[in-house]
C-alpha atoms as a PDB file:
ATOM      1  CA  UNK A   1     -31.262  -1.599   9.273  1.00  0.00           C
ATOM      2  CA  UNK A   2     -28.183   0.436   8.773  1.00  0.00           C
ATOM      3  CA  UNK A   3     -27.918   2.076   5.320  1.00  0.00           C
ATOM      4  CA  UNK A   4     -25.445   0.506   2.784  1.00  0.00           C
ATOM      5  CA  UNK A   5     -22.157   2.527   2.756  1.00  0.00           C
ATOM      6  CA  UNK A   6     -20.866   1.547  -0.447  1.00  0.00           C
ATOM      7  CA  UNK A   7     -23.873   2.655  -2.426  1.00  0.00           C
ATOM      8  CA  UNK A   8     -24.518   6.303  -3.236  1.00  0.00           C
ATOM      9  CA  UNK A   9     -27.903   8.220  -3.319  1.00  0.00           C
ATOM     10  CA  UNK A  10     -28.388   6.948  -6.965  1.00  0.00           C
ATOM     11  CA  UNK A  11     -27.590   3.444  -6.066  1.00  0.00           C
ATOM     12  CA  UNK A  12     -24.210   3.355  -7.635  1.00  0.00           C
ATOM     13  CA  UNK A  13     -21.364   1.496  -5.919  1.00  0.00           C
ATOM     14  CA  UNK A  14     -18.495   3.490  -4.674  1.00  0.00           C
ATOM     15  CA  UNK A  15     -15.522   3.268  -2.378  1.00  0.00           C
ATOM     16  CA  UNK A  16     -16.170   4.939   0.918  1.00  0.00           C
ATOM     17  CA  UNK A  17     -13.915   7.968   1.768  1.00  0.00           C
ATOM     18  CA  UNK A  18     -12.270   7.090   5.082  1.00  0.00           C
ATOM     19  CA  UNK A  19      -9.840  10.128   4.963  1.00  0.00           C
ATOM     20  CA  UNK A  20     -11.452  11.797   7.995  1.00  0.00           C
ATOM     21  CA  UNK A  21     -11.599   8.717  10.229  1.00  0.00           C
ATOM     22  CA  UNK A  22      -9.102   8.404  13.077  1.00  0.00           C
ATOM     23  CA  UNK A  23      -6.373   6.037  12.848  1.00  0.00           C
ATOM     24  CA  UNK A  24      -6.790   3.385  15.486  1.00  0.00           C
ATOM     25  CA  UNK A  25      -5.593  -0.103  16.278  1.00  0.00           C
ATOM     26  CA  UNK A  26      -7.948  -2.710  14.759  1.00  0.00           C
ATOM     27  CA  UNK A  27      -7.907  -6.417  14.369  1.00  0.00           C
ATOM     28  CA  UNK A  28     -10.242  -9.190  12.984  1.00  0.00           C
ATOM     29  CA  UNK A  29     -10.186 -12.954  13.384  1.00  0.00           C
ATOM     30  CA  UNK A  30     -12.217 -15.415  10.919  1.00  0.00           C
ATOM     31  CA  UNK A  31     -12.376 -19.126  10.475  1.00  0.00           C
ATOM     32  CA  UNK A  32     -13.564 -21.799   8.114  1.00  0.00           C
ATOM     33  CA  UNK A  33     -13.011 -25.437   7.108  1.00  0.00           C
ATOM     34  CA  UNK A  34     -12.607 -27.752   4.257  1.00  0.00           C
ATOM     35  CA  UNK A  35     -14.109 -31.371   4.451  1.00  0.00           C
ATOM     36  CA  UNK A  36     -11.723 -33.784   2.860  1.00  0.00           C
ATOM     37  CA  UNK A  37     -12.269 -37.578   1.795  1.00  0.00           C
ATOM     38  CA  UNK A  38     -10.044 -39.950   3.928  1.00  0.00           C
ATOM     39  CA  UNK A  39      -7.406 -40.356   1.213  1.00  0.00           C
ATOM     40  CA  UNK A  40      -6.840 -36.539   0.697  1.00  0.00           C
ATOM     41  CA  UNK A  41      -6.829 -35.951   4.632  1.00  0.00           C
ATOM     42  CA  UNK A  42      -4.322 -38.646   4.902  1.00  0.00           C
ATOM     43  CA  UNK A  43      -2.101 -36.935   2.377  1.00  0.00           C
ATOM     44  CA  UNK A  44      -2.396 -33.656   4.377  1.00  0.00           C
ATOM     45  CA  UNK A  45      -1.843 -35.106   7.732  1.00  0.00           C
ATOM     46  CA  UNK A  46       0.943 -37.377   6.675  1.00  0.00           C
ATOM     47  CA  UNK A  47       2.644 -34.716   4.407  1.00  0.00           C
ATOM     48  CA  UNK A  48       2.578 -37.134   1.347  1.00  0.00           C
ATOM     49  CA  UNK A  49       0.708 -34.861  -1.126  1.00  0.00           C
ATOM     50  CA  UNK A  50       2.612 -34.686  -4.497  1.00  0.00           C
ATOM     51  CA  UNK A  51       2.576 -30.955  -4.414  1.00  0.00           C
ATOM     52  CA  UNK A  52       4.268 -30.683  -0.944  1.00  0.00           C
ATOM     53  CA  UNK A  53       3.461 -29.809   2.596  1.00  0.00           C
ATOM     54  CA  UNK A  54      -0.340 -28.737   2.170  1.00  0.00           C
ATOM     55  CA  UNK A  55      -0.683 -26.948   5.504  1.00  0.00           C
ATOM     56  CA  UNK A  56       2.661 -24.896   5.163  1.00  0.00           C
ATOM     57  CA  UNK A  57       1.709 -23.730   1.627  1.00  0.00           C
ATOM     58  CA  UNK A  58      -1.913 -23.072   2.685  1.00  0.00           C
ATOM     59  CA  UNK A  59      -0.596 -20.855   5.622  1.00  0.00           C
ATOM     60  CA  UNK A  60       1.590 -18.796   3.204  1.00  0.00           C
ATOM     61  CA  UNK A  61      -1.500 -18.527   0.900  1.00  0.00           C
ATOM     62  CA  UNK A  62      -3.563 -17.113   3.664  1.00  0.00           C
ATOM     63  CA  UNK A  63      -0.976 -14.505   4.609  1.00  0.00           C
ATOM     64  CA  UNK A  64      -0.808 -13.450   0.880  1.00  0.00           C
ATOM     65  CA  UNK A  65      -4.567 -13.444   0.666  1.00  0.00           C
ATOM     66  CA  UNK A  66      -4.739 -10.934   3.352  1.00  0.00           C
ATOM     67  CA  UNK A  67      -2.174  -8.820   1.968  1.00  0.00           C
ATOM     68  CA  UNK A  68      -3.933  -8.754  -1.463  1.00  0.00           C
ATOM     69  CA  UNK A  69      -7.384  -8.459  -0.315  1.00  0.00           C
ATOM     70  CA  UNK A  70      -8.030  -5.072  -2.106  1.00  0.00           C
ATOM     71  CA  UNK A  71      -6.980  -6.751  -5.367  1.00  0.00           C
ATOM     72  CA  UNK A  72      -9.784  -9.287  -4.905  1.00  0.00           C
ATOM     73  CA  UNK A  73     -12.494  -7.215  -3.459  1.00  0.00           C
ATOM     74  CA  UNK A  74     -13.190  -4.173  -5.704  1.00  0.00           C
ATOM     75  CA  UNK A  75     -14.338  -1.728  -2.837  1.00  0.00           C
ATOM     76  CA  UNK A  76     -11.779  -2.555  -0.230  1.00  0.00           C
ATOM     77  CA  UNK A  77      -9.118  -0.086   0.684  1.00  0.00           C
ATOM     78  CA  UNK A  78      -5.502  -1.216   0.554  1.00  0.00           C
ATOM     79  CA  UNK A  79      -4.435  -1.243   4.117  1.00  0.00           C
ATOM     80  CA  UNK A  80      -1.017  -1.081   6.067  1.00  0.00           C
ATOM     81  CA  UNK A  81      -1.285  -4.468   7.659  1.00  0.00           C
ATOM     82  CA  UNK A  82       0.807  -4.791  10.758  1.00  0.00           C
ATOM     83  CA  UNK A  83       0.450  -8.606  11.309  1.00  0.00           C
ATOM     84  CA  UNK A  84      -1.217 -11.728   9.923  1.00  0.00           C
ATOM     85  CA  UNK A  85      -1.441 -15.065  11.677  1.00  0.00           C
ATOM     86  CA  UNK A  86      -2.945 -18.019   9.888  1.00  0.00           C
ATOM     87  CA  UNK A  87      -3.265 -21.431  11.538  1.00  0.00           C
ATOM     88  CA  UNK A  88      -4.478 -24.659  10.031  1.00  0.00           C
ATOM     89  CA  UNK A  89      -5.074 -27.999  11.832  1.00  0.00           C
ATOM     90  CA  UNK A  90      -6.711 -31.240  10.879  1.00  0.00           C
ATOM     91  CA  UNK A  91      -9.648 -32.456  13.033  1.00  0.00           C
ATOM     92  CA  UNK A  92     -12.057 -35.355  12.319  1.00  0.00           C
ATOM     93  CA  UNK A  93     -12.812 -35.227   8.552  1.00  0.00           C
ATOM     94  CA  UNK A  94     -11.711 -31.528   7.912  1.00  0.00           C
ATOM     95  CA  UNK A  95      -8.952 -29.023   7.904  1.00  0.00           C
ATOM     96  CA  UNK A  96      -9.797 -25.803   9.925  1.00  0.00           C
ATOM     97  CA  UNK A  97      -8.255 -22.544   9.024  1.00  0.00           C
ATOM     98  CA  UNK A  98      -8.194 -19.412  11.372  1.00  0.00           C
ATOM     99  CA  UNK A  99      -6.726 -16.113  10.522  1.00  0.00           C
ATOM    100  CA  UNK A 100      -6.193 -12.927  12.634  1.00  0.00           C
ATOM    101  CA  UNK A 101      -5.249  -9.740  10.779  1.00  0.00           C
ATOM    102  CA  UNK A 102      -4.014  -6.458  12.743  1.00  0.00           C
ATOM    103  CA  UNK A 103      -3.542  -2.921  11.487  1.00  0.00           C
ATOM    104  CA  UNK A 104      -3.481   0.670  12.784  1.00  0.00           C
ATOM    105  CA  UNK A 105      -5.557   2.489  10.204  1.00  0.00           C
ATOM    106  CA  UNK A 106      -8.831   4.202   9.432  1.00  0.00           C
ATOM    107  CA  UNK A 107     -10.763   1.166   8.360  1.00  0.00           C
ATOM    108  CA  UNK A 108     -11.094  -2.515   9.678  1.00  0.00           C
ATOM    109  CA  UNK A 109      -9.573  -5.731   8.541  1.00  0.00           C
ATOM    110  CA  UNK A 110     -12.599  -8.017   8.572  1.00  0.00           C
ATOM    111  CA  UNK A 111     -12.305  -8.614   4.841  1.00  0.00           C
ATOM    112  CA  UNK A 112      -8.502  -9.336   5.149  1.00  0.00           C
ATOM    113  CA  UNK A 113      -9.227 -11.984   7.663  1.00  0.00           C
ATOM    114  CA  UNK A 114     -12.074 -13.613   5.707  1.00  0.00           C
ATOM    115  CA  UNK A 115      -9.858 -13.559   2.627  1.00  0.00           C
ATOM    116  CA  UNK A 116      -6.999 -15.016   4.408  1.00  0.00           C
ATOM    117  CA  UNK A 117      -9.168 -18.026   5.523  1.00  0.00           C
ATOM    118  CA  UNK A 118     -10.561 -18.398   2.131  1.00  0.00           C
ATOM    119  CA  UNK A 119      -7.264 -18.434   0.218  1.00  0.00           C
ATOM    120  CA  UNK A 120      -5.880 -20.906   2.698  1.00  0.00           C
ATOM    121  CA  UNK A 121      -8.857 -23.301   2.102  1.00  0.00           C
ATOM    122  CA  UNK A 122      -8.651 -22.957  -1.584  1.00  0.00           C
ATOM    123  CA  UNK A 123      -5.001 -23.767  -1.453  1.00  0.00           C
ATOM    124  CA  UNK A 124      -5.657 -26.962   0.535  1.00  0.00           C
ATOM    125  CA  UNK A 125      -8.277 -27.824  -2.120  1.00  0.00           C
ATOM    126  CA  UNK A 126      -5.757 -27.101  -5.042  1.00  0.00           C
ATOM    127  CA  UNK A 127      -3.034 -29.168  -3.348  1.00  0.00           C
ATOM    128  CA  UNK A 128      -5.031 -32.391  -2.890  1.00  0.00           C
ATOM    129  CA  UNK A 129      -7.533 -32.149  -5.749  1.00  0.00           C
ATOM    130  CA  UNK A 130      -5.592 -34.753  -7.710  1.00  0.00           C
ATOM    131  CA  UNK A 131      -6.486 -37.175  -4.823  1.00  0.00           C
ATOM    132  CA  UNK A 132     -10.285 -36.488  -4.755  1.00  0.00           C
ATOM    133  CA  UNK A 133     -12.179 -33.489  -6.134  1.00  0.00           C
ATOM    134  CA  UNK A 134     -15.195 -34.010  -3.907  1.00  0.00           C
ATOM    135  CA  UNK A 135     -14.140 -31.603  -1.124  1.00  0.00           C
ATOM    136  CA  UNK A 136     -16.403 -29.076   0.528  1.00  0.00           C
ATOM    137  CA  UNK A 137     -15.363 -25.627   1.767  1.00  0.00           C
ATOM    138  CA  UNK A 138     -17.577 -24.096   4.342  1.00  0.00           C
ATOM    139  CA  UNK A 139     -18.176 -22.298   7.578  1.00  0.00           C
ATOM    140  CA  UNK A 140     -16.185 -19.155   6.602  1.00  0.00           C
ATOM    141  CA  UNK A 141     -17.194 -16.500   8.932  1.00  0.00           C
ATOM    142  CA  UNK A 142     -15.962 -13.626  11.130  1.00  0.00           C
ATOM    143  CA  UNK A 143     -15.406 -14.591  14.618  1.00  0.00           C
ATOM    144  CA  UNK A 144     -14.406 -11.154  16.033  1.00  0.00           C
ATOM    145  CA  UNK A 145     -13.410  -7.707  15.176  1.00  0.00           C
ATOM    146  CA  UNK A 146     -11.847  -5.041  17.499  1.00  0.00           C
ATOM    147  CA  UNK A 147     -11.193  -1.379  17.207  1.00  0.00           C
ATOM    148  CA  UNK A 148     -12.823   1.504  15.238  1.00  0.00           C
ATOM    149  CA  UNK A 149     -16.076   3.532  16.108  1.00  0.00           C
ATOM    150  CA  UNK A 150     -18.082   0.327  16.521  1.00  0.00           C
ATOM    151  CA  UNK A 151     -15.536  -1.188  19.004  1.00  0.00           C
ATOM    152  CA  UNK A 152     -15.542  -4.938  19.636  1.00  0.00           C
ATOM    153  CA  UNK A 153     -17.933  -7.397  17.933  1.00  0.00           C
ATOM    154  CA  UNK A 154     -17.941 -11.295  18.622  1.00  0.00           C
ATOM    155  CA  UNK A 155     -19.793 -13.867  16.834  1.00  0.00           C
ATOM    156  CA  UNK A 156     -22.550 -15.886  18.404  1.00  0.00           C
ATOM    157  CA  UNK A 157     -21.158 -19.240  19.797  1.00  0.00           C
ATOM    158  CA  UNK A 158     -22.377 -22.114  17.585  1.00  0.00           C
ATOM    159  CA  UNK A 159     -24.025 -25.069  19.059  1.00  0.00           C
ATOM    160  CA  UNK A 160     -21.914 -28.162  18.820  1.00  0.00           C
ATOM    161  CA  UNK A 161     -22.919 -30.313  15.725  1.00  0.00           C
ATOM    162  CA  UNK A 162     -21.294 -32.443  13.012  1.00  0.00           C
ATOM    163  CA  UNK A 163     -19.251 -29.500  11.664  1.00  0.00           C
ATOM    164  CA  UNK A 164     -17.711 -28.322  15.046  1.00  0.00           C
ATOM    165  CA  UNK A 165     -14.204 -28.962  16.063  1.00  0.00           C
END
């Protein structure tokens, strides 16, 4: 097991110094879902939610979440993000969110991709909670990261089940 990088020799949390690391191209992609009751899903798909176009607002929230990750996660470095793509789509009983974040910097953008997905899904919840509060957010995970010293990493493929697309 690798030692924890955000804990010093005394066990205190600290922000890692990345000043000596090389600037490289980096990217990360994450996904997640929110299960919606039929009436809420219908409001999303038919664009009849009282607060507006749920998927469009959630997409913007995902972009904003990626840009503000260091405000949410205490030990994350603020990064010069060069691109964020957030997509959402409805399938079966849920809305899926996927985010890809890119940078040329000294540290990766995994947290930014995960935050983008989470912000998008929370926004879906917020926009249709008046219809039904019994929604479930889940499956938030990193799918892939590229760049940096450790190179490319991809998540293991999930077996098809009730939560797959």
